[in-house]
Amino acid sequence: MVIKQAAFAGKAVKTLLEEEEVTIDSMSADLNISSQMGSHLKNNRRRMQQGVAKHSLRVYEDAPEYVLALLYEFSDGFTSPVFCGEVIERHRLAMRDHTAVSLKQTLDMFQKVSLAKRPESITAKEQENVENLIDQLIEARCFIDNLNAVLEKEYGISVKKRIRKLSPKWKMEGWTE
């Protein structure tokens, strides 16, 4: 994965302005850019440069939906998008239920898809099943990330700090170096 040098970040900026009740002027001051540039970023008339994005992630690290949206744009869609479509309610209970359904579907698919064969010896149908499993895993990951963002915002519990707290455990378990 390559992090873009610049990206259109209008969705992320609009998320910041709406969800965190930040104004263009205050955002622009926080990011050391002109108000005109802030407006251009919001309306996708200019790309946000990587340096501005990195700075904004530090300044607004307590705005999880903004962080999720900005990472999605700069990762060229590799990370989870903010699920905010018409059929998604971003309330913690609704997101919990969506996440639970997605996880159940993923666990059900684990029972149906065999990963025992070597990849080079599977049939086309088995390949399709593995692709469907990967799709389901991605969807579950996206719901988990969105649920974490909602919980972080509503409860004020930093996911970043939780990851830092868990990192020594993961290292001790031999899962990371």
C-alpha atoms as a PDB file:
ATOM      1  CA  MET A   1       0.000   0.000   0.000  1.00  0.00           C
ATOM      2  CA  VAL A   2       1.200   3.477  -0.859  1.00  0.00           C
ATOM      3  CA  ILE A   3       0.064   6.564   1.002  1.00  0.00           C
ATOM      4  CA  LYS A   4      -0.817   9.272  -1.515  1.00  0.00           C
ATOM      5  CA  GLN A   5       1.209  12.474  -1.541  1.00  0.00           C
ATOM      6  CA  ALA A   6      -2.048  14.418  -1.926  1.00  0.00           C
ATOM      7  CA  ALA A   7      -5.721  13.487  -1.955  1.00  0.00           C
ATOM      8  CA  PHE A   8      -9.122  15.030  -2.337  1.00  0.00           C
ATOM      9  CA  ALA A   9     -10.311  15.119   1.258  1.00  0.00           C
ATOM     10  CA  GLY A  10     -13.616  16.960   0.939  1.00  0.00           C
ATOM     11  CA  LYS A  11     -15.650  14.165   2.544  1.00  0.00           C
ATOM     12  CA  ALA A  12     -13.256  13.999   5.476  1.00  0.00           C
ATOM     13  CA  VAL A  13     -13.227  17.777   5.925  1.00  0.00           C
ATOM     14  CA  LYS A  14     -17.038  17.924   5.773  1.00  0.00           C
ATOM     15  CA  THR A  15     -17.151  15.153   8.386  1.00  0.00           C
ATOM     16  CA  LEU A  16     -14.847  17.192  10.625  1.00  0.00           C
ATOM     17  CA  LEU A  17     -16.867  20.371  10.182  1.00  0.00           C
ATOM     18  CA  GLU A  18     -20.215  18.670  10.796  1.00  0.00           C
ATOM     19  CA  GLU A  19     -19.396  16.069  13.425  1.00  0.00           C
ATOM     20  CA  GLU A  20     -16.930  18.094  15.476  1.00  0.00           C
ATOM     21  CA  GLU A  21     -18.650  21.461  14.897  1.00  0.00           C
ATOM     22  CA  VAL A  22     -15.406  22.997  13.666  1.00  0.00           C
ATOM     23  CA  THR A  23     -15.546  26.034  11.387  1.00  0.00           C
ATOM     24  CA  ILE A  24     -13.518  26.488   8.218  1.00  0.00           C
ATOM     25  CA  ASP A  25     -11.687  29.377   9.880  1.00  0.00           C
ATOM     26  CA  SER A  26     -10.771  27.424  13.020  1.00  0.00           C
ATOM     27  CA  MET A  27      -9.756  24.355  11.000  1.00  0.00           C
ATOM     28  CA  SER A  28      -7.640  26.548   8.725  1.00  0.00           C
ATOM     29  CA  ALA A  29      -5.942  28.180  11.718  1.00  0.00           C
ATOM     30  CA  ASP A  30      -5.334  24.770  13.335  1.00  0.00           C
ATOM     31  CA  LEU A  31      -3.747  23.453  10.122  1.00  0.00           C
ATOM     32  CA  ASN A  32      -1.791  26.627   9.284  1.00  0.00           C
ATOM     33  CA  ILE A  33      -3.566  27.094   5.955  1.00  0.00           C
ATOM     34  CA  SER A  34      -5.628  29.984   4.619  1.00  0.00           C
ATOM     35  CA  SER A  35      -9.397  30.003   5.004  1.00  0.00           C
ATOM     36  CA  GLN A  36      -9.590  30.000   1.214  1.00  0.00           C
ATOM     37  CA  MET A  37      -7.503  26.799   1.114  1.00  0.00           C
ATOM     38  CA  GLY A  38      -9.741  25.289   3.803  1.00  0.00           C
ATOM     39  CA  SER A  39     -12.770  26.042   1.643  1.00  0.00           C
ATOM     40  CA  HIS A  40     -11.050  24.573  -1.418  1.00  0.00           C
ATOM     41  CA  LEU A  41     -10.256  21.397   0.525  1.00  0.00           C
ATOM     42  CA  LYS A  42     -13.852  21.093   1.738  1.00  0.00           C
ATOM     43  CA  ASN A  43     -15.230  21.458  -1.786  1.00  0.00           C
ATOM     44  CA  ASN A  44     -12.614  19.195  -3.454  1.00  0.00           C
ATOM     45  CA  ARG A  45     -11.224  22.061  -5.517  1.00  0.00           C
ATOM     46  CA  ARG A  46      -7.731  21.359  -4.163  1.00  0.00           C
ATOM     47  CA  ARG A  47      -6.008  18.242  -2.893  1.00  0.00           C
ATOM     48  CA  MET A  48      -4.838  18.089   0.699  1.00  0.00           C
ATOM     49  CA  GLN A  49      -1.089  17.591   0.820  1.00  0.00           C
ATOM     50  CA  GLN A  50       0.325  14.713   2.850  1.00  0.00           C
ATOM     51  CA  GLY A  51       2.070  17.050   5.298  1.00  0.00           C
ATOM     52  CA  VAL A  52      -1.181  18.886   6.046  1.00  0.00           C
ATOM     53  CA  ALA A  53      -2.955  15.536   6.425  1.00  0.00           C
ATOM     54  CA  LYS A  54      -0.345  14.257   8.913  1.00  0.00           C
ATOM     55  CA  HIS A  55      -0.588  17.472  10.912  1.00  0.00           C
ATOM     56  CA  SER A  56      -4.388  17.312  10.889  1.00  0.00           C
ATOM     57  CA  LEU A  57      -4.311  13.722  12.175  1.00  0.00           C
ATOM     58  CA  ARG A  58      -2.326  14.926  15.180  1.00  0.00           C
ATOM     59  CA  VAL A  59      -4.529  17.988  15.750  1.00  0.00           C
ATOM     60  CA  TYR A  60      -7.811  16.115  15.324  1.00  0.00           C
ATOM     61  CA  GLU A  61      -6.879  12.666  16.624  1.00  0.00           C
ATOM     62  CA  ASP A  62      -9.916  12.874  18.905  1.00  0.00           C
ATOM     63  CA  ALA A  63     -12.234  13.121  15.868  1.00  0.00           C
ATOM     64  CA  PRO A  64     -12.404   9.415  14.925  1.00  0.00           C
ATOM     65  CA  GLU A  65     -14.770   9.725  11.960  1.00  0.00           C
ATOM     66  CA  TYR A  66     -12.537  12.410  10.435  1.00  0.00           C
ATOM     67  CA  VAL A  67      -9.467  10.236  10.991  1.00  0.00           C
ATOM     68  CA  LEU A  68     -11.199   7.226   9.410  1.00  0.00           C
ATOM     69  CA  ALA A  69     -12.348   9.284   6.400  1.00  0.00           C
ATOM     70  CA  LEU A  70      -8.958  10.931   5.879  1.00  0.00           C
ATOM     71  CA  LEU A  71      -7.035   7.648   6.133  1.00  0.00           C
ATOM     72  CA  TYR A  72      -9.432   6.121   3.600  1.00  0.00           C
ATOM     73  CA  GLU A  73      -8.720   8.890   1.091  1.00  0.00           C
ATOM     74  CA  PHE A  74      -4.933   8.879   1.579  1.00  0.00           C
ATOM     75  CA  SER A  75      -4.703   5.071   1.489  1.00  0.00           C
ATOM     76  CA  ASP A  76      -6.554   5.062  -1.850  1.00  0.00           C
ATOM     77  CA  GLY A  77      -9.348   2.979  -0.366  1.00  0.00           C
ATOM     78  CA  PHE A  78      -7.162   0.431   1.444  1.00  0.00           C
ATOM     79  CA  THR A  79      -8.490   1.360   4.882  1.00  0.00           C
ATOM     80  CA  SER A  80     -12.111   1.380   6.020  1.00  0.00           C
ATOM     81  CA  PRO A  81     -14.456   4.098   4.777  1.00  0.00           C
ATOM     82  CA  VAL A  82     -16.884   5.861   7.075  1.00  0.00           C
ATOM     83  CA  PHE A  83     -20.193   4.024   6.767  1.00  0.00           C
ATOM     84  CA  CYS A  84     -22.618   6.948   6.630  1.00  0.00           C
ATOM     85  CA  GLY A  85     -25.024   6.021   3.832  1.00  0.00           C
ATOM     86  CA  GLU A  86     -28.777   6.412   3.936  1.00  0.00           C
ATOM     87  CA  VAL A  87     -29.384   2.984   5.523  1.00  0.00           C
ATOM     88  CA  ILE A  88     -26.732   3.310   8.232  1.00  0.00           C
ATOM     89  CA  GLU A  89     -27.535   4.879  11.565  1.00  0.00           C
ATOM     90  CA  ARG A  90     -24.314   5.811  13.320  1.00  0.00           C
ATOM     91  CA  HIS A  91     -25.692   5.219  16.795  1.00  0.00           C
ATOM     92  CA  ARG A  92     -23.623   2.864  18.947  1.00  0.00           C
ATOM     93  CA  LEU A  93     -26.428   0.284  19.248  1.00  0.00           C
ATOM     94  CA  ALA A  94     -27.181   0.271  15.529  1.00  0.00           C
ATOM     95  CA  MET A  95     -23.477  -0.013  14.671  1.00  0.00           C
ATOM     96  CA  ARG A  96     -23.093  -2.806  17.236  1.00  0.00           C
ATOM     97  CA  ASP A  97     -25.929  -4.720  15.576  1.00  0.00           C
ATOM     98  CA  HIS A  98     -24.515  -4.208  12.059  1.00  0.00           C
ATOM     99  CA  THR A  99     -21.110  -5.355  13.296  1.00  0.00           C
ATOM    100  CA  ALA A 100     -22.580  -8.420  15.027  1.00  0.00           C
ATOM    101  CA  VAL A 101     -24.434  -9.465  11.855  1.00  0.00           C
ATOM    102  CA  SER A 102     -21.300  -9.026   9.756  1.00  0.00           C
ATOM    103  CA  LEU A 103     -19.188 -11.011  12.221  1.00  0.00           C
ATOM    104  CA  LYS A 104     -21.756 -13.806  12.323  1.00  0.00           C
ATOM    105  CA  GLN A 105     -21.800 -13.955   8.528  1.00  0.00           C
ATOM    106  CA  THR A 106     -17.998 -14.099   8.564  1.00  0.00           C
ATOM    107  CA  LEU A 107     -17.949 -16.923  11.115  1.00  0.00           C
ATOM    108  CA  ASP A 108     -20.586 -18.815   9.093  1.00  0.00           C
ATOM    109  CA  MET A 109     -18.446 -18.438   6.002  1.00  0.00           C
ATOM    110  CA  PHE A 110     -15.418 -19.806   7.889  1.00  0.00           C
ATOM    111  CA  GLN A 111     -17.392 -23.034   8.331  1.00  0.00           C
ATOM    112  CA  LYS A 112     -18.099 -23.263   4.598  1.00  0.00           C
ATOM    113  CA  VAL A 113     -14.740 -22.307   3.104  1.00  0.00           C
ATOM    114  CA  SER A 114     -11.854 -24.726   3.351  1.00  0.00           C
ATOM    115  CA  LEU A 115      -8.373 -23.284   3.507  1.00  0.00           C
ATOM    116  CA  ALA A 116      -6.742 -26.691   3.898  1.00  0.00           C
ATOM    117  CA  LYS A 117      -5.630 -27.103   0.284  1.00  0.00           C
ATOM    118  CA  ARG A 118      -2.545 -25.423  -1.053  1.00  0.00           C
ATOM    119  CA  PRO A 119      -3.534 -22.293  -3.010  1.00  0.00           C
ATOM    120  CA  GLU A 120      -2.063 -23.592  -6.267  1.00  0.00           C
ATOM    121  CA  SER A 121      -4.208 -26.735  -6.175  1.00  0.00           C
ATOM    122  CA  ILE A 122      -7.692 -25.293  -5.612  1.00  0.00           C
ATOM    123  CA  THR A 123     -10.495 -25.271  -8.173  1.00  0.00           C
ATOM    124  CA  ALA A 124     -12.046 -22.152  -9.674  1.00  0.00           C
ATOM    125  CA  LYS A 125     -15.056 -22.548  -7.363  1.00  0.00           C
ATOM    126  CA  GLU A 126     -12.806 -22.870  -4.312  1.00  0.00           C
ATOM    127  CA  GLN A 127     -10.936 -19.756  -5.457  1.00  0.00           C
ATOM    128  CA  GLU A 128     -14.258 -17.924  -5.678  1.00  0.00           C
ATOM    129  CA  ASN A 129     -15.139 -19.095  -2.163  1.00  0.00           C
ATOM    130  CA  VAL A 130     -11.841 -17.745  -0.824  1.00  0.00           C
ATOM    131  CA  GLU A 131     -12.486 -14.425  -2.580  1.00  0.00           C
ATOM    132  CA  ASN A 132     -15.955 -14.283  -0.997  1.00  0.00           C
ATOM    133  CA  LEU A 133     -14.407 -15.009   2.401  1.00  0.00           C
ATOM    134  CA  ILE A 134     -11.935 -12.163   1.917  1.00  0.00           C
ATOM    135  CA  ASP A 135     -14.820  -9.857   0.935  1.00  0.00           C
ATOM    136  CA  GLN A 136     -16.672 -10.843   4.099  1.00  0.00           C
ATOM    137  CA  LEU A 137     -13.565 -10.316   6.242  1.00  0.00           C
ATOM    138  CA  ILE A 138     -13.107  -6.839   4.734  1.00  0.00           C
ATOM    139  CA  GLU A 139     -16.739  -5.971   5.376  1.00  0.00           C
ATOM    140  CA  ALA A 140     -16.464  -7.160   8.986  1.00  0.00           C
ATOM    141  CA  ARG A 141     -13.263  -5.145   9.439  1.00  0.00           C
ATOM    142  CA  CYS A 142     -15.009  -2.037   8.100  1.00  0.00           C
ATOM    143  CA  PHE A 143     -17.935  -2.477  10.485  1.00  0.00           C
ATOM    144  CA  ILE A 144     -15.517  -3.030  13.375  1.00  0.00           C
ATOM    145  CA  ASP A 145     -13.583   0.127  12.464  1.00  0.00           C
ATOM    146  CA  ASN A 146     -16.807   2.136  12.209  1.00  0.00           C
ATOM    147  CA  LEU A 147     -18.086   0.761  15.519  1.00  0.00           C
ATOM    148  CA  ASN A 148     -14.765   1.647  17.147  1.00  0.00           C
ATOM    149  CA  ALA A 149     -15.041   5.198  15.745  1.00  0.00           C
ATOM    150  CA  VAL A 150     -18.564   5.590  17.135  1.00  0.00           C
ATOM    151  CA  LEU A 151     -17.575   4.198  20.540  1.00  0.00           C
ATOM    152  CA  GLU A 152     -14.453   6.343  20.640  1.00  0.00           C
ATOM    153  CA  LYS A 153     -16.486   9.453  19.904  1.00  0.00           C
ATOM    154  CA  GLU A 154     -19.368   8.699  22.261  1.00  0.00           C
ATOM    155  CA  TYR A 155     -17.336   7.381  25.196  1.00  0.00           C
ATOM    156  CA  GLY A 156     -14.173   9.435  24.720  1.00  0.00           C
ATOM    157  CA  ILE A 157     -11.980   6.325  24.713  1.00  0.00           C
ATOM    158  CA  SER A 158      -9.042   6.664  22.321  1.00  0.00           C
ATOM    159  CA  VAL A 159      -8.582   3.640  20.056  1.00  0.00           C
ATOM    160  CA  LYS A 160      -5.021   4.799  19.450  1.00  0.00           C
ATOM    161  CA  LYS A 161      -4.303   4.690  23.189  1.00  0.00           C
ATOM    162  CA  ARG A 162      -5.967   1.274  23.498  1.00  0.00           C
ATOM    163  CA  ILE A 163      -3.781  -0.064  20.664  1.00  0.00           C
ATOM    164  CA  ARG A 164      -0.682   1.327  22.382  1.00  0.00           C
ATOM    165  CA  LYS A 165      -1.787  -0.349  25.618  1.00  0.00           C
ATOM    166  CA  LEU A 166      -2.314  -3.687  23.848  1.00  0.00           C
ATOM    167  CA  SER A 167       0.940  -3.582  21.855  1.00  0.00           C
ATOM    168  CA  PRO A 168       3.175  -4.967  24.651  1.00  0.00           C
ATOM    169  CA  LYS A 169       0.762  -7.895  25.071  1.00  0.00           C
ATOM    170  CA  TRP A 170       0.885  -8.607  21.327  1.00  0.00           C
ATOM    171  CA  LYS A 171       4.672  -8.490  21.442  1.00  0.00           C
ATOM    172  CA  MET A 172       4.761 -10.800  24.471  1.00  0.00           C
ATOM    173  CA  GLU A 173       2.442 -13.262  22.662  1.00  0.00           C
ATOM    174  CA  GLY A 174       4.854 -13.216  19.710  1.00  0.00           C
ATOM    175  CA  TRP A 175       2.246 -11.679  17.385  1.00  0.00           C
ATOM    176  CA  THR A 176       4.416  -8.582  16.679  1.00  0.00           C
ATOM    177  CA  GLU A 177       8.069  -7.729  16.969  1.00  0.00           C
END
